[in-house]
């Protein structure tokens, strides 16, 4: 038996039943061991208990549900197997650092806990901090290079460096996609918040964004932030994304990585 493959089956099952009562004995029987052994094995490999994993995934989803406003808080609590609003509120605040009733006015506190994926080398799971921010319309001036998924990790830092030598360090970088699903890269822009002769005007309309902040302006760190979004955040997210470009905002030796979502 390949334990990593079997544990991934259990994760798949768990994800489909987060809104239901999960029977640990039934889960353990899926890989032919008893409940006690299963929980011990899971803890050893994942470095988190099975119960804590389920709790964190439910609370992560609950944060998005409350922010999106499709259900009342009590309905969200019941959906994720909490018997009363007090116990839900306590667990929610411990996980997100904010009460459920404050999510609408303080969405920057929300955290995402991504689903586990096991392979023979490591288990992969991240607790991702992010903010939901609103930005007014931006009028920027810049230049761009056409690129694609395979080339952008090479093209973007080289184009940024060449533009910096000629005009000074850019304030923004934009990545445009050919499709709403954000699967196919079209172009990479570097832009300034002031007019520079010969550059193209680019207007980014007022919108709402998911923001990741990294304490770096290093190209590899920025690429890792992008990878985190597409590999870890996007597959677990309930937000609807728009066709606006991604924004990289370079300031104060940090980079804000912004992805547009529907208001």
C-alpha atoms as a PDB file:
ATOM      1  CA  UNK A   1       0.000   0.000   0.000  1.00  0.00           C
ATOM      2  CA  UNK A   2       1.250   3.472  -0.916  1.00  0.00           C
ATOM      3  CA  UNK A   3       0.292   5.404   2.229  1.00  0.00           C
ATOM      4  CA  UNK A   4       0.667   8.809   0.513  1.00  0.00           C
ATOM      5  CA  UNK A   5      -1.701   7.835  -2.280  1.00  0.00           C
ATOM      6  CA  UNK A   6      -4.195   6.464   0.235  1.00  0.00           C
ATOM      7  CA  UNK A   7      -4.014   9.586   2.385  1.00  0.00           C
ATOM      8  CA  UNK A   8      -4.767  11.728  -0.667  1.00  0.00           C
ATOM      9  CA  UNK A   9      -7.942   9.669  -1.167  1.00  0.00           C
ATOM     10  CA  UNK A  10      -8.905  10.476   2.411  1.00  0.00           C
ATOM     11  CA  UNK A  11      -8.246  14.177   1.823  1.00  0.00           C
ATOM     12  CA  UNK A  12     -10.489  14.035  -1.270  1.00  0.00           C
ATOM     13  CA  UNK A  13     -13.215  12.377   0.782  1.00  0.00           C
ATOM     14  CA  UNK A  14     -12.819  14.892   3.609  1.00  0.00           C
ATOM     15  CA  UNK A  15     -13.069  17.894   1.254  1.00  0.00           C
ATOM     16  CA  UNK A  16     -16.349  16.576  -0.141  1.00  0.00           C
ATOM     17  CA  UNK A  17     -17.801  16.124   3.354  1.00  0.00           C
ATOM     18  CA  UNK A  18     -16.613  19.200   5.264  1.00  0.00           C
ATOM     19  CA  UNK A  19     -20.235  20.269   5.685  1.00  0.00           C
ATOM     20  CA  UNK A  20     -21.186  16.900   7.167  1.00  0.00           C
ATOM     21  CA  UNK A  21     -20.277  14.875  10.231  1.00  0.00           C
ATOM     22  CA  UNK A  22     -17.113  12.922   9.384  1.00  0.00           C
ATOM     23  CA  UNK A  23     -16.891   9.459  10.907  1.00  0.00           C
ATOM     24  CA  UNK A  24     -13.251   8.801  11.794  1.00  0.00           C
ATOM     25  CA  UNK A  25     -13.771   5.041  11.919  1.00  0.00           C
ATOM     26  CA  UNK A  26     -15.181   5.067   8.402  1.00  0.00           C
ATOM     27  CA  UNK A  27     -12.272   7.176   7.188  1.00  0.00           C
ATOM     28  CA  UNK A  28      -9.734   4.835   8.785  1.00  0.00           C
ATOM     29  CA  UNK A  29     -11.447   1.805   7.256  1.00  0.00           C
ATOM     30  CA  UNK A  30     -10.903   3.324   3.801  1.00  0.00           C
ATOM     31  CA  UNK A  31      -7.216   2.416   4.115  1.00  0.00           C
ATOM     32  CA  UNK A  32      -7.769  -0.747   6.143  1.00  0.00           C
ATOM     33  CA  UNK A  33      -6.546   0.323   9.571  1.00  0.00           C
ATOM     34  CA  UNK A  34      -8.212   1.155  12.864  1.00  0.00           C
ATOM     35  CA  UNK A  35      -9.121   4.648  13.996  1.00  0.00           C
ATOM     36  CA  UNK A  36      -6.317   4.959  16.553  1.00  0.00           C
ATOM     37  CA  UNK A  37      -3.599   3.870  14.101  1.00  0.00           C
ATOM     38  CA  UNK A  38      -4.984   6.131  11.391  1.00  0.00           C
ATOM     39  CA  UNK A  39      -4.903   9.227  13.584  1.00  0.00           C
ATOM     40  CA  UNK A  40      -1.378   8.422  14.714  1.00  0.00           C
ATOM     41  CA  UNK A  41      -0.161   7.890  11.135  1.00  0.00           C
ATOM     42  CA  UNK A  42      -1.876  11.065   9.926  1.00  0.00           C
ATOM     43  CA  UNK A  43      -0.289  13.118  12.702  1.00  0.00           C
ATOM     44  CA  UNK A  44       3.175  11.686  12.041  1.00  0.00           C
ATOM     45  CA  UNK A  45       3.080  12.392   8.314  1.00  0.00           C
ATOM     46  CA  UNK A  46       1.077  15.628   8.210  1.00  0.00           C
ATOM     47  CA  UNK A  47       2.372  17.148  11.449  1.00  0.00           C
ATOM     48  CA  UNK A  48      -1.210  18.109  12.293  1.00  0.00           C
ATOM     49  CA  UNK A  49      -3.975  15.996  13.786  1.00  0.00           C
ATOM     50  CA  UNK A  50      -6.822  14.885  11.547  1.00  0.00           C
ATOM     51  CA  UNK A  51      -9.338  16.702  13.745  1.00  0.00           C
ATOM     52  CA  UNK A  52      -7.340  19.941  13.622  1.00  0.00           C
ATOM     53  CA  UNK A  53      -7.006  19.663   9.855  1.00  0.00           C
ATOM     54  CA  UNK A  54     -10.789  19.343   9.479  1.00  0.00           C
ATOM     55  CA  UNK A  55     -11.407  22.212  11.899  1.00  0.00           C
ATOM     56  CA  UNK A  56      -8.965  24.520  10.107  1.00  0.00           C
ATOM     57  CA  UNK A  57     -10.395  23.734   6.675  1.00  0.00           C
ATOM     58  CA  UNK A  58     -13.941  24.394   7.914  1.00  0.00           C
ATOM     59  CA  UNK A  59     -12.997  27.683   9.559  1.00  0.00           C
ATOM     60  CA  UNK A  60     -11.074  28.749   6.470  1.00  0.00           C
ATOM     61  CA  UNK A  61     -14.144  28.130   4.295  1.00  0.00           C
ATOM     62  CA  UNK A  62     -16.408  29.764   6.868  1.00  0.00           C
ATOM     63  CA  UNK A  63     -14.458  33.018   6.628  1.00  0.00           C
ATOM     64  CA  UNK A  64     -15.041  33.227   2.892  1.00  0.00           C
ATOM     65  CA  UNK A  65     -18.708  32.263   3.255  1.00  0.00           C
ATOM     66  CA  UNK A  66     -19.350  35.025   5.782  1.00  0.00           C
ATOM     67  CA  UNK A  67     -17.489  37.628   3.738  1.00  0.00           C
ATOM     68  CA  UNK A  68     -19.377  36.718   0.567  1.00  0.00           C
ATOM     69  CA  UNK A  69     -22.593  37.182   2.552  1.00  0.00           C
ATOM     70  CA  UNK A  70     -24.656  34.373   1.075  1.00  0.00           C
ATOM     71  CA  UNK A  71     -25.635  32.992   4.491  1.00  0.00           C
ATOM     72  CA  UNK A  72     -26.181  34.227   8.020  1.00  0.00           C
ATOM     73  CA  UNK A  73     -23.449  33.562  10.564  1.00  0.00           C
ATOM     74  CA  UNK A  74     -25.602  31.044  12.432  1.00  0.00           C
ATOM     75  CA  UNK A  75     -26.230  29.202   9.161  1.00  0.00           C
ATOM     76  CA  UNK A  76     -22.504  29.056   8.462  1.00  0.00           C
ATOM     77  CA  UNK A  77     -21.855  27.765  11.979  1.00  0.00           C
ATOM     78  CA  UNK A  78     -24.397  24.968  11.584  1.00  0.00           C
ATOM     79  CA  UNK A  79     -23.113  24.109   8.105  1.00  0.00           C
ATOM     80  CA  UNK A  80     -19.638  23.491   9.495  1.00  0.00           C
ATOM     81  CA  UNK A  81     -20.851  21.310  12.350  1.00  0.00           C
ATOM     82  CA  UNK A  82     -20.884  23.784  15.254  1.00  0.00           C
ATOM     83  CA  UNK A  83     -23.737  23.208  17.673  1.00  0.00           C
ATOM     84  CA  UNK A  84     -24.032  26.796  18.870  1.00  0.00           C
ATOM     85  CA  UNK A  85     -22.908  30.266  17.748  1.00  0.00           C
ATOM     86  CA  UNK A  86     -20.767  30.812  20.847  1.00  0.00           C
ATOM     87  CA  UNK A  87     -18.470  27.844  20.201  1.00  0.00           C
ATOM     88  CA  UNK A  88     -18.282  28.773  16.524  1.00  0.00           C
ATOM     89  CA  UNK A  89     -17.447  32.406  17.290  1.00  0.00           C
ATOM     90  CA  UNK A  90     -14.743  31.366  19.751  1.00  0.00           C
ATOM     91  CA  UNK A  91     -13.125  28.941  17.286  1.00  0.00           C
ATOM     92  CA  UNK A  92     -13.462  31.410  14.419  1.00  0.00           C
ATOM     93  CA  UNK A  93     -11.774  34.212  16.362  1.00  0.00           C
ATOM     94  CA  UNK A  94      -8.952  31.931  17.464  1.00  0.00           C
ATOM     95  CA  UNK A  95      -8.288  30.918  13.854  1.00  0.00           C
ATOM     96  CA  UNK A  96      -8.794  34.223  12.019  1.00  0.00           C
ATOM     97  CA  UNK A  97      -8.070  36.670  14.843  1.00  0.00           C
ATOM     98  CA  UNK A  98     -11.450  38.354  14.362  1.00  0.00           C
ATOM     99  CA  UNK A  99     -15.057  37.705  15.374  1.00  0.00           C
ATOM    100  CA  UNK A 100     -17.422  36.479  12.625  1.00  0.00           C
ATOM    101  CA  UNK A 101     -19.549  39.606  13.060  1.00  0.00           C
ATOM    102  CA  UNK A 102     -16.557  41.821  12.161  1.00  0.00           C
ATOM    103  CA  UNK A 103     -15.585  40.101   8.900  1.00  0.00           C
ATOM    104  CA  UNK A 104     -17.495  42.512   6.647  1.00  0.00           C
ATOM    105  CA  UNK A 105     -15.702  45.554   8.034  1.00  0.00           C
ATOM    106  CA  UNK A 106     -12.294  43.920   8.600  1.00  0.00           C
ATOM    107  CA  UNK A 107     -11.770  41.346   5.833  1.00  0.00           C
ATOM    108  CA  UNK A 108      -8.022  41.898   5.946  1.00  0.00           C
ATOM    109  CA  UNK A 109      -7.925  39.580   8.973  1.00  0.00           C
ATOM    110  CA  UNK A 110      -9.103  36.519   7.059  1.00  0.00           C
ATOM    111  CA  UNK A 111      -6.768  33.566   6.617  1.00  0.00           C
ATOM    112  CA  UNK A 112      -6.886  30.646   4.230  1.00  0.00           C
ATOM    113  CA  UNK A 113      -5.866  27.153   5.280  1.00  0.00           C
ATOM    114  CA  UNK A 114      -5.279  25.139   2.112  1.00  0.00           C
ATOM    115  CA  UNK A 115      -6.043  21.470   1.587  1.00  0.00           C
ATOM    116  CA  UNK A 116      -3.303  18.935   2.142  1.00  0.00           C
ATOM    117  CA  UNK A 117      -1.595  17.087  -0.644  1.00  0.00           C
ATOM    118  CA  UNK A 118       0.789  14.223   0.072  1.00  0.00           C
ATOM    119  CA  UNK A 119       3.588  12.793  -2.017  1.00  0.00           C
ATOM    120  CA  UNK A 120       6.496  10.560  -1.135  1.00  0.00           C
ATOM    121  CA  UNK A 121       8.797  13.508  -0.482  1.00  0.00           C
ATOM    122  CA  UNK A 122       6.614  15.844   1.555  1.00  0.00           C
ATOM    123  CA  UNK A 123       3.137  16.855   2.578  1.00  0.00           C
ATOM    124  CA  UNK A 124       2.020  20.228   1.329  1.00  0.00           C
ATOM    125  CA  UNK A 125      -0.268  22.596   3.164  1.00  0.00           C
ATOM    126  CA  UNK A 126      -0.181  26.314   3.842  1.00  0.00           C
ATOM    127  CA  UNK A 127      -1.843  28.771   6.138  1.00  0.00           C
ATOM    128  CA  UNK A 128      -2.094  31.832   3.889  1.00  0.00           C
ATOM    129  CA  UNK A 129      -2.600  35.372   5.160  1.00  0.00           C
ATOM    130  CA  UNK A 130      -4.297  37.752   2.764  1.00  0.00           C
ATOM    131  CA  UNK A 131      -6.279  40.980   2.667  1.00  0.00           C
ATOM    132  CA  UNK A 132      -9.294  42.120   0.709  1.00  0.00           C
ATOM    133  CA  UNK A 133      -8.705  45.714  -0.315  1.00  0.00           C
ATOM    134  CA  UNK A 134     -10.433  48.323  -2.469  1.00  0.00           C
ATOM    135  CA  UNK A 135      -8.368  50.482  -4.815  1.00  0.00           C
ATOM    136  CA  UNK A 136      -9.430  53.661  -6.571  1.00  0.00           C
ATOM    137  CA  UNK A 137      -8.822  54.058 -10.283  1.00  0.00           C
ATOM    138  CA  UNK A 138      -5.136  54.105 -11.192  1.00  0.00           C
ATOM    139  CA  UNK A 139      -3.697  56.045 -14.129  1.00  0.00           C
ATOM    140  CA  UNK A 140      -0.267  54.683 -14.956  1.00  0.00           C
ATOM    141  CA  UNK A 141       2.308  55.009 -17.725  1.00  0.00           C
ATOM    142  CA  UNK A 142       4.458  52.192 -18.928  1.00  0.00           C
ATOM    143  CA  UNK A 143       5.720  49.771 -21.491  1.00  0.00           C
ATOM    144  CA  UNK A 144       5.312  46.052 -21.977  1.00  0.00           C
ATOM    145  CA  UNK A 145       6.608  42.846 -23.453  1.00  0.00           C
ATOM    146  CA  UNK A 146       4.568  39.998 -24.911  1.00  0.00           C
ATOM    147  CA  UNK A 147       5.328  36.721 -23.177  1.00  0.00           C
ATOM    148  CA  UNK A 148       3.732  33.419 -22.191  1.00  0.00           C
ATOM    149  CA  UNK A 149       3.524  30.912 -19.344  1.00  0.00           C
ATOM    150  CA  UNK A 150       6.851  29.294 -20.167  1.00  0.00           C
ATOM    151  CA  UNK A 151       8.828  32.495 -20.669  1.00  0.00           C
ATOM    152  CA  UNK A 152       7.483  34.980 -18.120  1.00  0.00           C
ATOM    153  CA  UNK A 153       9.763  33.947 -15.256  1.00  0.00           C
ATOM    154  CA  UNK A 154      12.706  34.827 -17.466  1.00  0.00           C
ATOM    155  CA  UNK A 155      11.181  37.692 -19.432  1.00  0.00           C
ATOM    156  CA  UNK A 156       9.665  39.707 -16.563  1.00  0.00           C
ATOM    157  CA  UNK A 157      12.777  40.279 -14.382  1.00  0.00           C
ATOM    158  CA  UNK A 158      14.941  40.945 -17.452  1.00  0.00           C
ATOM    159  CA  UNK A 159      12.462  43.486 -18.870  1.00  0.00           C
ATOM    160  CA  UNK A 160      12.108  45.116 -15.426  1.00  0.00           C
ATOM    161  CA  UNK A 161      15.889  45.454 -15.162  1.00  0.00           C
ATOM    162  CA  UNK A 162      16.239  46.919 -18.651  1.00  0.00           C
ATOM    163  CA  UNK A 163      13.449  49.436 -18.050  1.00  0.00           C
ATOM    164  CA  UNK A 164      14.887  50.424 -14.653  1.00  0.00           C
ATOM    165  CA  UNK A 165      18.250  51.269 -16.203  1.00  0.00           C
ATOM    166  CA  UNK A 166      16.581  53.550 -18.723  1.00  0.00           C
ATOM    167  CA  UNK A 167      13.820  55.230 -16.647  1.00  0.00           C
ATOM    168  CA  UNK A 168      14.452  54.411 -12.975  1.00  0.00           C
ATOM    169  CA  UNK A 169      12.759  51.787 -10.836  1.00  0.00           C
ATOM    170  CA  UNK A 170       9.114  51.156 -11.876  1.00  0.00           C
ATOM    171  CA  UNK A 171       6.339  51.476  -9.316  1.00  0.00           C
ATOM    172  CA  UNK A 172       4.108  48.752 -10.702  1.00  0.00           C
ATOM    173  CA  UNK A 173       4.214  45.539 -12.673  1.00  0.00           C
ATOM    174  CA  UNK A 174       1.138  44.108 -14.412  1.00  0.00           C
ATOM    175  CA  UNK A 175       0.477  40.644 -15.789  1.00  0.00           C
ATOM    176  CA  UNK A 176      -2.262  40.397 -18.403  1.00  0.00           C
ATOM    177  CA  UNK A 177      -3.963  37.112 -19.272  1.00  0.00           C
ATOM    178  CA  UNK A 178      -5.696  35.941 -22.435  1.00  0.00           C
ATOM    179  CA  UNK A 179      -8.574  34.336 -20.529  1.00  0.00           C
ATOM    180  CA  UNK A 180     -10.750  34.913 -17.458  1.00  0.00           C
ATOM    181  CA  UNK A 181      -9.553  31.658 -15.921  1.00  0.00           C
ATOM    182  CA  UNK A 182      -6.084  33.263 -15.801  1.00  0.00           C
ATOM    183  CA  UNK A 183      -4.431  30.227 -17.348  1.00  0.00           C
ATOM    184  CA  UNK A 184      -2.616  31.818 -20.310  1.00  0.00           C
ATOM    185  CA  UNK A 185      -0.253  34.754 -19.851  1.00  0.00           C
ATOM    186  CA  UNK A 186      -0.415  37.446 -22.539  1.00  0.00           C
ATOM    187  CA  UNK A 187       1.989  40.224 -21.506  1.00  0.00           C
ATOM    188  CA  UNK A 188       4.010  41.775 -18.688  1.00  0.00           C
ATOM    189  CA  UNK A 189       4.053  45.549 -18.111  1.00  0.00           C
ATOM    190  CA  UNK A 190       6.238  47.822 -16.019  1.00  0.00           C
ATOM    191  CA  UNK A 191       4.619  51.147 -15.129  1.00  0.00           C
ATOM    192  CA  UNK A 192       5.108  54.442 -13.345  1.00  0.00           C
ATOM    193  CA  UNK A 193       2.605  56.664 -11.539  1.00  0.00           C
ATOM    194  CA  UNK A 194       3.816  59.716 -13.481  1.00  0.00           C
ATOM    195  CA  UNK A 195       3.871  60.600 -17.167  1.00  0.00           C
ATOM    196  CA  UNK A 196       6.995  59.576 -19.058  1.00  0.00           C
ATOM    197  CA  UNK A 197       7.349  60.573 -22.699  1.00  0.00           C
ATOM    198  CA  UNK A 198       6.858  57.705 -25.106  1.00  0.00           C
ATOM    199  CA  UNK A 199       5.111  55.424 -22.644  1.00  0.00           C
ATOM    200  CA  UNK A 200       1.568  54.120 -22.997  1.00  0.00           C
ATOM    201  CA  UNK A 201      -1.219  55.146 -20.643  1.00  0.00           C
ATOM    202  CA  UNK A 202      -2.794  52.293 -18.709  1.00  0.00           C
ATOM    203  CA  UNK A 203      -5.945  52.896 -16.670  1.00  0.00           C
ATOM    204  CA  UNK A 204      -6.845  50.353 -14.000  1.00  0.00           C
ATOM    205  CA  UNK A 205     -10.474  50.901 -12.944  1.00  0.00           C
ATOM    206  CA  UNK A 206     -11.641  51.089  -9.338  1.00  0.00           C
ATOM    207  CA  UNK A 207     -11.921  47.545  -8.081  1.00  0.00           C
ATOM    208  CA  UNK A 208     -11.611  45.098  -5.222  1.00  0.00           C
ATOM    209  CA  UNK A 209      -8.496  42.971  -4.835  1.00  0.00           C
ATOM    210  CA  UNK A 210      -7.035  40.090  -2.850  1.00  0.00           C
ATOM    211  CA  UNK A 211      -3.646  41.221  -1.576  1.00  0.00           C
ATOM    212  CA  UNK A 212      -0.608  39.196  -0.533  1.00  0.00           C
ATOM    213  CA  UNK A 213       2.323  41.149   0.851  1.00  0.00           C
ATOM    214  CA  UNK A 214       5.905  39.943   0.685  1.00  0.00           C
ATOM    215  CA  UNK A 215       8.848  41.672   2.330  1.00  0.00           C
ATOM    216  CA  UNK A 216      10.933  41.606  -0.803  1.00  0.00           C
ATOM    217  CA  UNK A 217      11.256  42.971  -4.329  1.00  0.00           C
ATOM    218  CA  UNK A 218      13.373  40.048  -5.462  1.00  0.00           C
ATOM    219  CA  UNK A 219      12.106  38.464  -8.694  1.00  0.00           C
ATOM    220  CA  UNK A 220      12.154  34.907  -7.305  1.00  0.00           C
ATOM    221  CA  UNK A 221      10.217  35.950  -4.213  1.00  0.00           C
ATOM    222  CA  UNK A 222       7.595  37.646  -6.386  1.00  0.00           C
ATOM    223  CA  UNK A 223       7.369  34.546  -8.575  1.00  0.00           C
ATOM    224  CA  UNK A 224       6.928  32.407  -5.461  1.00  0.00           C
ATOM    225  CA  UNK A 225       4.057  34.666  -4.356  1.00  0.00           C
ATOM    226  CA  UNK A 226       2.428  34.150  -7.738  1.00  0.00           C
ATOM    227  CA  UNK A 227       2.941  30.392  -7.466  1.00  0.00           C
ATOM    228  CA  UNK A 228       1.389  30.434  -3.994  1.00  0.00           C
ATOM    229  CA  UNK A 229      -1.705  32.078  -5.387  1.00  0.00           C
ATOM    230  CA  UNK A 230      -2.169  29.727  -8.339  1.00  0.00           C
ATOM    231  CA  UNK A 231      -1.143  26.480  -6.689  1.00  0.00           C
ATOM    232  CA  UNK A 232      -2.516  26.980  -3.173  1.00  0.00           C
ATOM    233  CA  UNK A 233      -4.963  29.855  -2.953  1.00  0.00           C
ATOM    234  CA  UNK A 234      -6.944  29.685  -6.197  1.00  0.00           C
ATOM    235  CA  UNK A 235      -7.905  25.968  -6.003  1.00  0.00           C
ATOM    236  CA  UNK A 236      -9.245  26.491  -2.464  1.00  0.00           C
ATOM    237  CA  UNK A 237     -10.929  29.852  -2.989  1.00  0.00           C
ATOM    238  CA  UNK A 238     -14.620  30.702  -3.324  1.00  0.00           C
ATOM    239  CA  UNK A 239     -13.990  34.200  -4.672  1.00  0.00           C
ATOM    240  CA  UNK A 240     -14.866  35.085  -8.258  1.00  0.00           C
ATOM    241  CA  UNK A 241     -11.980  36.643 -10.158  1.00  0.00           C
ATOM    242  CA  UNK A 242     -12.210  39.234 -12.924  1.00  0.00           C
ATOM    243  CA  UNK A 243     -10.349  39.853 -16.186  1.00  0.00           C
ATOM    244  CA  UNK A 244      -8.321  42.767 -14.820  1.00  0.00           C
ATOM    245  CA  UNK A 245      -4.561  42.168 -14.727  1.00  0.00           C
ATOM    246  CA  UNK A 246      -2.601  41.138 -11.669  1.00  0.00           C
ATOM    247  CA  UNK A 247      -0.768  44.015 -10.046  1.00  0.00           C
ATOM    248  CA  UNK A 248       2.636  43.977  -8.414  1.00  0.00           C
ATOM    249  CA  UNK A 249       3.060  47.189  -6.392  1.00  0.00           C
ATOM    250  CA  UNK A 250       6.695  47.873  -5.495  1.00  0.00           C
ATOM    251  CA  UNK A 251       7.222  50.204  -2.536  1.00  0.00           C
ATOM    252  CA  UNK A 252       9.213  50.555   0.687  1.00  0.00           C
ATOM    253  CA  UNK A 253      11.294  47.439  -0.101  1.00  0.00           C
ATOM    254  CA  UNK A 254       8.156  45.288  -0.212  1.00  0.00           C
ATOM    255  CA  UNK A 255       5.826  44.005  -2.946  1.00  0.00           C
ATOM    256  CA  UNK A 256       2.042  43.885  -2.773  1.00  0.00           C
ATOM    257  CA  UNK A 257       0.717  41.145  -5.034  1.00  0.00           C
ATOM    258  CA  UNK A 258      -2.887  41.996  -6.016  1.00  0.00           C
ATOM    259  CA  UNK A 259      -5.463  39.804  -7.775  1.00  0.00           C
ATOM    260  CA  UNK A 260      -8.827  41.296  -8.858  1.00  0.00           C
ATOM    261  CA  UNK A 261     -12.106  39.872  -7.529  1.00  0.00           C
ATOM    262  CA  UNK A 262     -15.749  40.712  -8.124  1.00  0.00           C
ATOM    263  CA  UNK A 263     -17.273  43.309  -5.815  1.00  0.00           C
END
